[in-house]
């Protein structure tokens, strides 16, 4: 089948010069983030990944390193007794900070300003817009405390890619399933394109 003119004219590297920092939390939905990273990289976006300890139990750092061809950050502590504050610089060059999957635990930390691991520390010290793609059990998503935290973050300017209904890892059917990779990538792309890349003199 011959590609249509519109297919041929689609920009292959429309996100060139943009930088996205992705924080990956522990949850079965972490495997979907591999597709998000791959699609962003294919569109020319620079992607750096930071992971929680729990996230590394679902997807190995090597997987993201292979997809991004960059170092993957898993801890603030690179060696015993040594702290590298340059990790905070990751958000200084990022055009957007995406958290996927955004667990109830991380959402709670962000809402309370807690910074007790790499991902939460990067969020507290970020210098770019933040987007969260939640994923959790339906009862957790509907918990009033979680919804209060989500409301707090929305009011603070955080953007959300809301979870959808579907089959969850626990076997239940309900809301809490992380949005599909193409939905997340489309949202990220729209937000990025609303400003020039920092590398090109965009948002200061």
N, C-alpha and C. Protein backbone atom coordinates (compact mmCIF):
# COMPACT_ATOMS: atom_id res chain seq x y z
N UNK A 1 0.85 -1.20 0.00
CA UNK A 1 0.00 0.00 0.00
C UNK A 1 0.88 1.25 0.00
N UNK A 2 0.62 2.19 -0.91
CA UNK A 2 1.40 3.40 -1.01
C UNK A 2 0.97 4.41 0.06
N UNK A 3 1.92 4.95 0.85
CA UNK A 3 1.56 5.92 1.88
C UNK A 3 0.89 7.14 1.27
N UNK A 4 -0.07 7.67 1.96
CA UNK A 4 -0.75 8.87 1.50
C UNK A 4 0.18 10.06 1.64
N UNK A 5 -0.09 11.15 0.91
CA UNK A 5 0.75 12.36 1.03
C UNK A 5 0.86 12.85 2.46
N UNK A 6 -0.25 12.75 3.23
CA UNK A 6 -0.23 13.23 4.61
C UNK A 6 0.71 12.39 5.45
N UNK A 7 0.76 11.06 5.18
CA UNK A 7 1.67 10.21 5.91
C UNK A 7 3.12 10.57 5.60
N UNK A 8 3.39 10.86 4.32
CA UNK A 8 4.74 11.16 3.90
C UNK A 8 5.23 12.49 4.46
N UNK A 9 4.29 13.41 4.70
CA UNK A 9 4.67 14.73 5.16
C UNK A 9 4.72 14.83 6.68
N UNK A 10 4.34 13.76 7.38
CA UNK A 10 4.35 13.79 8.83
C UNK A 10 5.77 14.02 9.34
N UNK A 11 5.95 14.95 10.26
CA UNK A 11 7.30 15.26 10.75
C UNK A 11 7.89 14.08 11.52
N UNK A 12 9.05 13.60 11.09
CA UNK A 12 9.67 12.46 11.74
C UNK A 12 10.38 12.87 13.02
N UNK A 13 10.90 14.11 13.05
CA UNK A 13 11.65 14.59 14.20
C UNK A 13 11.06 15.90 14.71
N UNK A 14 9.75 15.92 14.91
CA UNK A 14 9.08 17.17 15.28
C UNK A 14 9.37 17.62 16.70
N UNK A 15 10.02 16.76 17.51
CA UNK A 15 10.34 17.14 18.89
C UNK A 15 11.83 17.36 19.08
N UNK A 16 12.54 17.54 17.98
CA UNK A 16 13.98 17.79 18.06
C UNK A 16 14.26 19.03 18.90
N UNK A 17 15.30 18.98 19.71
CA UNK A 17 15.76 20.06 20.60
C UNK A 17 14.99 20.14 21.92
N UNK A 18 13.88 19.39 22.04
CA UNK A 18 13.18 19.36 23.31
C UNK A 18 13.81 18.32 24.23
N UNK A 19 13.74 18.57 25.54
CA UNK A 19 14.26 17.65 26.54
C UNK A 19 13.16 17.29 27.52
N UNK A 20 12.98 16.00 27.75
CA UNK A 20 11.99 15.52 28.71
C UNK A 20 12.68 14.66 29.77
N UNK A 21 12.38 14.95 31.01
CA UNK A 21 12.83 14.12 32.13
C UNK A 21 11.66 13.26 32.54
N UNK A 22 11.86 11.96 32.62
CA UNK A 22 10.79 11.04 32.99
C UNK A 22 11.12 10.34 34.30
N UNK A 23 10.24 10.49 35.28
CA UNK A 23 10.37 9.81 36.56
C UNK A 23 9.50 8.57 36.54
N UNK A 24 10.10 7.42 36.72
CA UNK A 24 9.37 6.15 36.68
C UNK A 24 9.22 5.60 38.09
N UNK A 25 7.99 5.33 38.48
CA UNK A 25 7.71 4.78 39.81
C UNK A 25 7.41 3.29 39.72
N UNK A 26 7.34 2.65 40.87
CA UNK A 26 7.12 1.21 40.93
C UNK A 26 5.67 0.84 40.67
N UNK A 27 5.44 0.04 39.66
CA UNK A 27 4.09 -0.40 39.30
C UNK A 27 4.16 -1.16 38.00
N UNK A 28 3.23 -2.08 37.79
CA UNK A 28 3.26 -2.89 36.59
C UNK A 28 3.16 -2.03 35.34
N UNK A 29 2.56 -0.85 35.45
CA UNK A 29 2.43 0.04 34.29
C UNK A 29 3.78 0.59 33.83
N UNK A 30 4.83 0.35 34.60
CA UNK A 30 6.15 0.85 34.21
C UNK A 30 6.58 0.31 32.85
N UNK A 31 6.08 -0.88 32.50
CA UNK A 31 6.47 -1.44 31.21
C UNK A 31 5.97 -0.57 30.05
N UNK A 32 4.84 0.12 30.25
CA UNK A 32 4.31 0.99 29.20
C UNK A 32 5.21 2.20 28.96
N UNK A 33 5.96 2.57 29.98
CA UNK A 33 6.81 3.75 29.86
C UNK A 33 7.93 3.50 28.86
N UNK A 34 8.29 2.24 28.67
CA UNK A 34 9.29 1.91 27.66
C UNK A 34 8.81 2.37 26.28
N UNK A 35 7.53 2.17 26.00
CA UNK A 35 6.97 2.60 24.72
C UNK A 35 6.92 4.12 24.64
N UNK A 36 6.60 4.77 25.75
CA UNK A 36 6.58 6.24 25.77
C UNK A 36 7.96 6.78 25.44
N UNK A 37 8.97 6.24 26.11
CA UNK A 37 10.35 6.69 25.88
C UNK A 37 10.75 6.46 24.44
N UNK A 38 10.48 5.26 23.93
CA UNK A 38 10.87 4.92 22.56
C UNK A 38 10.24 5.87 21.55
N UNK A 39 8.95 6.17 21.71
CA UNK A 39 8.26 7.02 20.75
C UNK A 39 8.75 8.47 20.81
N UNK A 40 9.06 8.94 22.01
CA UNK A 40 9.58 10.30 22.13
C UNK A 40 10.96 10.40 21.48
N UNK A 41 11.80 9.41 21.72
CA UNK A 41 13.14 9.40 21.13
C UNK A 41 13.05 9.35 19.61
N UNK A 42 12.13 8.54 19.09
CA UNK A 42 11.96 8.43 17.64
C UNK A 42 11.54 9.75 17.01
N UNK A 43 10.87 10.59 17.80
CA UNK A 43 10.44 11.89 17.29
C UNK A 43 11.48 12.99 17.52
N UNK A 44 12.67 12.58 17.95
CA UNK A 44 13.77 13.50 18.09
C UNK A 44 13.95 14.11 19.46
N UNK A 45 13.11 13.73 20.41
CA UNK A 45 13.17 14.30 21.75
C UNK A 45 14.33 13.70 22.55
N UNK A 46 15.01 14.54 23.32
CA UNK A 46 16.01 14.04 24.24
C UNK A 46 15.32 13.59 25.51
N UNK A 47 15.56 12.36 25.94
CA UNK A 47 14.86 11.80 27.11
C UNK A 47 15.88 11.30 28.13
N UNK A 48 15.67 11.72 29.37
CA UNK A 48 16.48 11.24 30.49
C UNK A 48 15.52 10.60 31.50
N UNK A 49 15.91 9.45 32.02
CA UNK A 49 15.05 8.70 32.93
C UNK A 49 15.64 8.66 34.33
N UNK A 50 14.78 8.91 35.32
CA UNK A 50 15.11 8.74 36.74
C UNK A 50 14.13 7.72 37.30
N UNK A 51 14.59 6.81 38.12
CA UNK A 51 13.74 5.72 38.61
C UNK A 51 13.77 5.63 40.13
N UNK A 52 12.64 5.24 40.70
CA UNK A 52 12.60 4.91 42.12
C UNK A 52 13.16 3.49 42.29
N UNK A 53 13.47 3.13 43.52
CA UNK A 53 13.95 1.77 43.79
C UNK A 53 12.91 0.74 43.37
N UNK A 54 11.64 1.04 43.64
CA UNK A 54 10.57 0.10 43.30
C UNK A 54 10.43 -0.06 41.80
N UNK A 55 10.65 1.01 41.05
CA UNK A 55 10.51 0.94 39.59
C UNK A 55 11.50 -0.06 39.00
N UNK A 56 12.71 -0.11 39.59
CA UNK A 56 13.75 -1.01 39.07
C UNK A 56 13.40 -2.47 39.28
N UNK A 57 12.37 -2.75 40.09
CA UNK A 57 11.92 -4.12 40.27
C UNK A 57 10.99 -4.56 39.13
N UNK A 58 10.50 -3.61 38.36
CA UNK A 58 9.60 -3.91 37.25
C UNK A 58 10.29 -3.80 35.90
N UNK A 59 11.14 -2.77 35.74
CA UNK A 59 11.89 -2.57 34.50
C UNK A 59 13.32 -2.24 34.89
N UNK A 60 14.28 -2.86 34.24
CA UNK A 60 15.67 -2.61 34.60
C UNK A 60 16.15 -1.26 34.06
N UNK A 61 17.06 -0.61 34.77
CA UNK A 61 17.64 0.63 34.25
C UNK A 61 18.30 0.43 32.88
N UNK A 62 18.85 -0.75 32.65
CA UNK A 62 19.50 -1.03 31.37
C UNK A 62 18.52 -0.90 30.21
N UNK A 63 17.25 -1.26 30.44
CA UNK A 63 16.24 -1.13 29.38
C UNK A 63 16.10 0.33 28.96
N UNK A 64 15.97 1.22 29.92
CA UNK A 64 15.83 2.64 29.60
C UNK A 64 17.13 3.23 29.06
N UNK A 65 18.25 2.73 29.54
CA UNK A 65 19.52 3.20 29.02
C UNK A 65 19.66 2.84 27.53
N UNK A 66 19.19 1.66 27.18
CA UNK A 66 19.26 1.23 25.78
C UNK A 66 18.34 2.06 24.90
N UNK A 67 17.16 2.42 25.44
CA UNK A 67 16.19 3.20 24.66
C UNK A 67 16.60 4.66 24.50
N UNK A 68 17.20 5.23 25.55
CA UNK A 68 17.55 6.65 25.52
C UNK A 68 18.99 6.90 25.09
N UNK A 69 19.82 5.86 25.22
CA UNK A 69 21.26 5.98 24.98
C UNK A 69 21.87 7.03 25.91
N UNK A 70 21.32 7.08 27.13
CA UNK A 70 21.80 8.00 28.16
C UNK A 70 21.88 7.28 29.50
N UNK A 71 22.63 7.88 30.42
CA UNK A 71 22.68 7.37 31.77
C UNK A 71 21.29 7.41 32.39
N UNK A 72 20.95 6.38 33.15
CA UNK A 72 19.69 6.34 33.89
C UNK A 72 20.00 6.58 35.36
N UNK A 73 19.27 7.49 35.97
CA UNK A 73 19.54 7.87 37.35
C UNK A 73 18.61 7.11 38.30
N UNK A 74 19.19 6.44 39.28
CA UNK A 74 18.40 5.61 40.19
C UNK A 74 18.58 6.01 41.66
N UNK A 75 19.55 6.85 41.94
CA UNK A 75 19.81 7.21 43.33
C UNK A 75 20.54 8.54 43.40
N UNK A 76 20.33 9.26 44.52
CA UNK A 76 21.10 10.46 44.76
C UNK A 76 22.51 10.12 45.21
N UNK A 77 22.68 8.87 45.66
CA UNK A 77 23.95 8.45 46.23
C UNK A 77 24.70 7.60 45.21
N UNK A 78 25.69 8.18 44.56
CA UNK A 78 26.44 7.46 43.54
C UNK A 78 27.53 6.59 44.14
N UNK A 79 27.97 6.91 45.31
CA UNK A 79 28.95 6.10 46.02
C UNK A 79 28.78 6.36 47.50
N UNK A 80 29.24 5.45 48.33
CA UNK A 80 29.06 5.60 49.76
C UNK A 80 29.66 6.92 50.25
N UNK A 81 28.84 7.68 50.94
CA UNK A 81 29.31 8.94 51.49
C UNK A 81 29.44 10.07 50.49
N UNK A 82 28.93 9.86 49.27
CA UNK A 82 29.08 10.91 48.25
C UNK A 82 27.73 11.27 47.68
N UNK A 83 27.40 12.55 47.71
CA UNK A 83 26.13 13.05 47.18
C UNK A 83 26.40 13.95 46.00
N UNK A 84 25.72 13.69 44.91
CA UNK A 84 25.94 14.48 43.69
C UNK A 84 24.77 15.44 43.48
N UNK A 85 24.92 16.71 43.84
CA UNK A 85 23.83 17.67 43.69
C UNK A 85 23.51 18.00 42.24
N UNK A 86 24.36 17.55 41.30
CA UNK A 86 24.12 17.84 39.90
C UNK A 86 22.85 17.17 39.39
N UNK A 87 22.32 16.19 40.13
CA UNK A 87 21.07 15.57 39.71
C UNK A 87 19.96 16.60 39.58
N UNK A 88 20.01 17.62 40.44
CA UNK A 88 18.99 18.66 40.36
C UNK A 88 19.09 19.42 39.05
N UNK A 89 20.25 19.40 38.44
CA UNK A 89 20.43 20.09 37.17
C UNK A 89 19.63 19.43 36.06
N UNK A 90 19.18 18.20 36.28
CA UNK A 90 18.39 17.50 35.27
C UNK A 90 17.12 18.28 34.92
N UNK A 91 16.50 18.89 35.92
CA UNK A 91 15.27 19.63 35.65
C UNK A 91 15.57 21.01 35.07
N UNK A 92 16.80 21.48 35.24
CA UNK A 92 17.14 22.82 34.74
C UNK A 92 17.24 22.82 33.22
N UNK A 93 17.57 21.67 32.63
CA UNK A 93 17.64 21.63 31.17
C UNK A 93 16.41 20.96 30.55
N UNK A 94 15.52 20.43 31.40
CA UNK A 94 14.32 19.77 30.89
C UNK A 94 13.24 20.78 30.53
N UNK A 95 12.52 20.49 29.46
CA UNK A 95 11.37 21.30 29.07
C UNK A 95 10.11 20.82 29.78
N UNK A 96 10.15 19.58 30.28
CA UNK A 96 8.97 19.00 30.93
C UNK A 96 9.41 17.81 31.78
N UNK A 97 8.76 17.63 32.91
CA UNK A 97 9.03 16.51 33.82
C UNK A 97 7.78 15.64 33.86
N UNK A 98 7.88 14.44 33.30
CA UNK A 98 6.76 13.49 33.27
C UNK A 98 6.96 12.41 34.32
N UNK A 99 5.93 12.13 35.11
CA UNK A 99 5.95 11.03 36.06
C UNK A 99 5.00 9.96 35.56
N UNK A 100 5.54 8.79 35.26
CA UNK A 100 4.72 7.69 34.76
C UNK A 100 5.37 6.34 35.11
N UNK A 101 4.67 5.46 35.77
CA UNK A 101 3.36 5.71 36.37
C UNK A 101 3.49 6.56 37.63
N UNK A 102 2.50 7.40 37.86
CA UNK A 102 2.45 8.20 39.08
C UNK A 102 1.63 7.41 40.10
N UNK A 103 2.31 6.87 41.08
CA UNK A 103 1.64 6.06 42.10
C UNK A 103 1.01 6.94 43.18
N UNK A 104 0.15 6.32 43.99
CA UNK A 104 -0.47 7.04 45.10
C UNK A 104 0.61 7.56 46.04
N UNK A 105 1.67 6.78 46.20
CA UNK A 105 2.76 7.16 47.08
C UNK A 105 3.45 8.44 46.60
N UNK A 106 3.82 8.47 45.31
CA UNK A 106 4.48 9.66 44.79
C UNK A 106 3.56 10.87 44.77
N UNK A 107 2.31 10.66 44.40
CA UNK A 107 1.35 11.77 44.38
C UNK A 107 1.25 12.38 45.78
N UNK A 108 1.21 11.52 46.80
CA UNK A 108 1.15 12.01 48.18
C UNK A 108 2.40 12.78 48.57
N UNK A 109 3.56 12.28 48.15
CA UNK A 109 4.82 12.98 48.44
C UNK A 109 4.84 14.36 47.79
N UNK A 110 4.46 14.40 46.51
CA UNK A 110 4.48 15.67 45.80
C UNK A 110 3.53 16.68 46.45
N UNK A 111 2.35 16.22 46.86
CA UNK A 111 1.36 17.12 47.46
C UNK A 111 1.83 17.68 48.80
N UNK A 112 2.69 16.92 49.48
CA UNK A 112 3.18 17.34 50.80
C UNK A 112 4.58 17.94 50.75
N UNK A 113 5.17 17.98 49.57
CA UNK A 113 6.51 18.54 49.46
C UNK A 113 7.60 17.67 50.04
N UNK A 114 7.35 16.37 50.11
CA UNK A 114 8.35 15.43 50.65
C UNK A 114 9.40 15.12 49.58
N UNK A 115 10.66 15.13 49.99
CA UNK A 115 11.76 14.83 49.07
C UNK A 115 12.70 13.85 49.76
N UNK A 116 12.35 12.56 49.69
CA UNK A 116 13.15 11.56 50.39
C UNK A 116 13.77 10.51 49.47
N UNK A 117 13.68 10.73 48.16
CA UNK A 117 14.38 9.88 47.21
C UNK A 117 14.69 10.72 45.98
N UNK A 118 15.30 10.12 44.97
CA UNK A 118 15.73 10.90 43.81
C UNK A 118 14.56 11.56 43.09
N UNK A 119 13.52 10.78 42.77
CA UNK A 119 12.41 11.31 41.97
C UNK A 119 11.67 12.42 42.72
N UNK A 120 11.39 12.21 44.00
CA UNK A 120 10.67 13.24 44.75
C UNK A 120 11.55 14.48 44.97
N UNK A 121 12.85 14.29 45.11
CA UNK A 121 13.75 15.42 45.25
C UNK A 121 13.81 16.23 43.96
N UNK A 122 13.85 15.55 42.84
CA UNK A 122 13.83 16.25 41.56
C UNK A 122 12.54 17.04 41.39
N UNK A 123 11.43 16.48 41.85
CA UNK A 123 10.16 17.17 41.72
C UNK A 123 10.13 18.44 42.57
N UNK A 124 10.59 18.34 43.79
CA UNK A 124 10.59 19.51 44.67
C UNK A 124 11.53 20.58 44.14
N UNK A 125 12.63 20.17 43.53
CA UNK A 125 13.60 21.14 43.03
C UNK A 125 13.48 21.43 41.56
N UNK A 126 12.38 21.01 40.93
CA UNK A 126 12.23 21.13 39.47
C UNK A 126 12.18 22.58 39.02
N UNK A 127 12.57 22.76 37.76
CA UNK A 127 12.54 24.08 37.14
C UNK A 127 11.86 23.97 35.78
N UNK A 128 10.77 23.20 35.73
CA UNK A 128 10.04 22.98 34.48
C UNK A 128 8.64 22.49 34.83
N UNK A 129 7.70 22.53 33.88
CA UNK A 129 6.35 22.03 34.14
C UNK A 129 6.35 20.53 34.45
N UNK A 130 5.36 20.10 35.22
CA UNK A 130 5.23 18.70 35.60
C UNK A 130 3.92 18.11 35.10
N UNK A 131 3.99 16.87 34.61
CA UNK A 131 2.82 16.13 34.14
C UNK A 131 2.83 14.77 34.79
N UNK A 132 1.69 14.37 35.34
CA UNK A 132 1.58 13.09 36.02
C UNK A 132 0.60 12.17 35.30
N UNK A 133 0.98 10.91 35.13
CA UNK A 133 0.11 9.89 34.54
C UNK A 133 -0.12 8.82 35.60
N UNK A 134 -1.18 8.97 36.41
CA UNK A 134 -1.42 8.04 37.51
C UNK A 134 -1.74 6.62 37.05
N UNK A 135 -1.41 5.67 37.92
CA UNK A 135 -1.76 4.26 37.71
C UNK A 135 -1.82 3.60 39.07
N UNK A 136 -2.97 3.02 39.38
CA UNK A 136 -3.13 2.34 40.68
C UNK A 136 -4.45 1.60 40.70
N UNK A 137 -4.65 0.82 41.75
CA UNK A 137 -5.91 0.11 41.96
C UNK A 137 -7.06 1.10 42.06
N UNK A 138 -8.25 0.69 41.60
CA UNK A 138 -9.42 1.58 41.61
C UNK A 138 -9.70 2.15 42.99
N UNK A 139 -9.65 1.29 44.02
CA UNK A 139 -9.94 1.77 45.37
C UNK A 139 -8.92 2.81 45.82
N UNK A 140 -7.68 2.63 45.39
CA UNK A 140 -6.66 3.62 45.74
C UNK A 140 -6.93 4.94 45.01
N UNK A 141 -7.23 4.86 43.71
CA UNK A 141 -7.49 6.07 42.92
C UNK A 141 -8.69 6.84 43.46
N UNK A 142 -9.71 6.12 43.91
CA UNK A 142 -10.93 6.76 44.41
C UNK A 142 -10.86 7.14 45.88
N UNK A 143 -9.76 6.77 46.55
CA UNK A 143 -9.61 7.11 47.96
C UNK A 143 -9.65 8.62 48.14
N UNK A 144 -10.44 9.13 49.06
CA UNK A 144 -10.57 10.58 49.25
C UNK A 144 -9.24 11.29 49.50
N UNK A 145 -8.32 10.62 50.17
CA UNK A 145 -7.03 11.23 50.44
C UNK A 145 -6.24 11.41 49.14
N UNK A 146 -6.26 10.38 48.29
CA UNK A 146 -5.58 10.47 47.01
C UNK A 146 -6.21 11.55 46.15
N UNK A 147 -7.54 11.60 46.12
CA UNK A 147 -8.22 12.62 45.33
C UNK A 147 -7.95 14.02 45.86
N UNK A 148 -7.82 14.15 47.17
CA UNK A 148 -7.46 15.44 47.75
C UNK A 148 -6.06 15.86 47.31
N UNK A 149 -5.14 14.90 47.30
CA UNK A 149 -3.78 15.19 46.86
C UNK A 149 -3.74 15.59 45.38
N UNK A 150 -4.53 14.90 44.57
CA UNK A 150 -4.60 15.22 43.15
C UNK A 150 -5.15 16.64 42.98
N UNK A 151 -6.19 16.96 43.72
CA UNK A 151 -6.79 18.30 43.65
C UNK A 151 -5.76 19.36 44.04
N UNK A 152 -5.01 19.09 45.09
CA UNK A 152 -3.98 20.02 45.54
C UNK A 152 -2.95 20.27 44.45
N UNK A 153 -2.51 19.20 43.81
CA UNK A 153 -1.50 19.34 42.77
C UNK A 153 -2.05 20.07 41.54
N UNK A 154 -3.30 19.78 41.19
CA UNK A 154 -3.91 20.51 40.06
C UNK A 154 -3.93 22.00 40.34
N UNK A 155 -4.29 22.36 41.57
CA UNK A 155 -4.37 23.77 41.94
C UNK A 155 -2.99 24.43 41.93
N UNK A 156 -1.95 23.62 42.11
CA UNK A 156 -0.58 24.13 42.09
C UNK A 156 -0.01 24.19 40.68
N UNK A 157 -0.79 23.76 39.70
CA UNK A 157 -0.34 23.85 38.32
C UNK A 157 0.16 22.57 37.69
N UNK A 158 0.14 21.47 38.45
CA UNK A 158 0.52 20.19 37.87
C UNK A 158 -0.55 19.76 36.87
N UNK A 159 -0.14 19.15 35.79
CA UNK A 159 -1.09 18.63 34.82
C UNK A 159 -1.18 17.11 34.95
N UNK A 160 -2.37 16.58 34.66
CA UNK A 160 -2.60 15.14 34.79
C UNK A 160 -3.07 14.54 33.48
N UNK A 161 -2.62 13.33 33.23
CA UNK A 161 -3.16 12.50 32.16
C UNK A 161 -3.93 11.42 32.90
N UNK A 162 -5.22 11.64 33.07
CA UNK A 162 -6.01 10.80 33.96
C UNK A 162 -6.02 9.34 33.56
N UNK A 163 -6.06 8.46 34.56
CA UNK A 163 -6.15 7.02 34.27
C UNK A 163 -7.50 6.69 33.65
N UNK A 164 -7.58 5.54 33.02
CA UNK A 164 -8.81 5.11 32.35
C UNK A 164 -9.33 3.84 32.99
N UNK A 165 -10.54 3.47 32.61
CA UNK A 165 -11.10 2.21 33.10
C UNK A 165 -10.58 1.05 32.26
N UNK A 166 -10.37 -0.06 32.92
CA UNK A 166 -9.88 -1.25 32.22
C UNK A 166 -9.51 -2.31 33.22
N UNK A 167 -8.96 -3.41 32.73
CA UNK A 167 -8.51 -4.47 33.61
C UNK A 167 -7.20 -4.06 34.28
N UNK A 168 -7.16 -4.21 35.59
CA UNK A 168 -5.99 -3.81 36.37
C UNK A 168 -5.15 -5.03 36.70
N UNK A 169 -3.95 -4.78 37.20
CA UNK A 169 -3.03 -5.88 37.50
C UNK A 169 -3.61 -6.85 38.53
N UNK A 170 -4.48 -6.33 39.41
CA UNK A 170 -5.08 -7.19 40.44
C UNK A 170 -6.19 -8.06 39.90
N UNK A 171 -6.55 -7.85 38.63
CA UNK A 171 -7.61 -8.64 38.02
C UNK A 171 -8.96 -7.96 38.03
N UNK A 172 -9.05 -6.83 38.76
CA UNK A 172 -10.31 -6.10 38.84
C UNK A 172 -10.51 -5.26 37.58
N UNK A 173 -11.74 -4.84 37.37
CA UNK A 173 -12.07 -3.97 36.25
C UNK A 173 -12.56 -2.65 36.82
N UNK A 174 -11.88 -1.55 36.46
CA UNK A 174 -12.28 -0.26 37.00
C UNK A 174 -11.31 0.83 36.61
N UNK A 175 -11.52 2.01 37.17
CA UNK A 175 -10.64 3.16 36.88
C UNK A 175 -9.32 3.00 37.61
N UNK A 176 -8.24 3.44 36.99
CA UNK A 176 -6.93 3.36 37.61
C UNK A 176 -5.85 2.88 36.66
N UNK A 177 -6.26 2.40 35.50
CA UNK A 177 -5.30 1.93 34.50
C UNK A 177 -4.61 3.12 33.85
N UNK A 178 -3.30 3.09 33.79
CA UNK A 178 -2.57 4.22 33.20
C UNK A 178 -2.95 4.40 31.75
N UNK A 179 -3.03 5.64 31.31
CA UNK A 179 -3.35 5.94 29.91
C UNK A 179 -2.36 5.24 28.99
N UNK A 180 -2.81 4.94 27.78
CA UNK A 180 -1.95 4.23 26.82
C UNK A 180 -0.80 5.13 26.37
N UNK A 181 0.31 4.52 25.98
CA UNK A 181 1.50 5.29 25.59
C UNK A 181 1.23 6.37 24.55
N UNK A 182 0.40 6.07 23.54
CA UNK A 182 0.16 7.08 22.50
C UNK A 182 -0.57 8.30 23.05
N UNK A 183 -1.43 8.09 24.04
CA UNK A 183 -2.14 9.21 24.66
C UNK A 183 -1.15 10.07 25.44
N UNK A 184 -0.26 9.42 26.17
CA UNK A 184 0.73 10.15 26.96
C UNK A 184 1.67 10.92 26.05
N UNK A 185 2.15 10.27 24.99
CA UNK A 185 3.07 10.93 24.06
C UNK A 185 2.40 12.12 23.38
N UNK A 186 1.14 11.97 22.99
CA UNK A 186 0.42 13.08 22.34
C UNK A 186 0.30 14.27 23.28
N UNK A 187 -0.03 14.01 24.55
CA UNK A 187 -0.17 15.08 25.53
C UNK A 187 1.17 15.78 25.75
N UNK A 188 2.21 14.99 25.91
CA UNK A 188 3.55 15.54 26.12
C UNK A 188 3.97 16.39 24.92
N UNK A 189 3.72 15.89 23.72
CA UNK A 189 4.11 16.61 22.51
C UNK A 189 3.38 17.95 22.42
N UNK A 190 2.08 17.96 22.74
CA UNK A 190 1.31 19.20 22.68
C UNK A 190 1.86 20.23 23.67
N UNK A 191 2.18 19.76 24.87
CA UNK A 191 2.70 20.68 25.88
C UNK A 191 4.08 21.21 25.50
N UNK A 192 4.91 20.34 24.97
CA UNK A 192 6.23 20.78 24.55
C UNK A 192 6.14 21.85 23.46
N UNK A 193 5.29 21.59 22.48
CA UNK A 193 5.20 22.49 21.33
C UNK A 193 4.53 23.83 21.66
N UNK A 194 3.97 23.94 22.85
CA UNK A 194 3.36 25.21 23.25
C UNK A 194 4.42 26.26 23.57
N UNK A 195 5.68 25.81 23.68
CA UNK A 195 6.80 26.73 23.91
C UNK A 195 7.98 26.30 23.06
N UNK A 196 8.87 27.23 22.79
CA UNK A 196 10.11 26.87 22.13
C UNK A 196 10.95 26.03 23.09
N UNK A 197 11.82 25.16 22.57
CA UNK A 197 12.71 24.41 23.46
C UNK A 197 13.61 25.35 24.22
N UNK A 198 13.98 24.97 25.41
CA UNK A 198 14.93 25.80 26.19
C UNK A 198 16.21 26.01 25.41
N UNK A 199 16.64 24.97 24.69
CA UNK A 199 17.88 25.04 23.93
C UNK A 199 17.81 26.10 22.84
N UNK A 200 16.58 26.48 22.46
CA UNK A 200 16.40 27.49 21.40
C UNK A 200 15.94 28.82 21.98
N UNK A 201 16.14 28.99 23.28
CA UNK A 201 15.78 30.26 23.91
C UNK A 201 14.33 30.32 24.34
N UNK A 202 13.73 29.15 24.60
CA UNK A 202 12.34 29.10 25.03
C UNK A 202 12.18 29.50 26.47
N UNK A 203 11.17 28.92 27.13
CA UNK A 203 10.79 29.29 28.51
C UNK A 203 12.01 29.45 29.40
N UNK A 204 12.07 30.58 30.09
CA UNK A 204 13.17 30.86 30.99
C UNK A 204 12.76 30.54 32.43
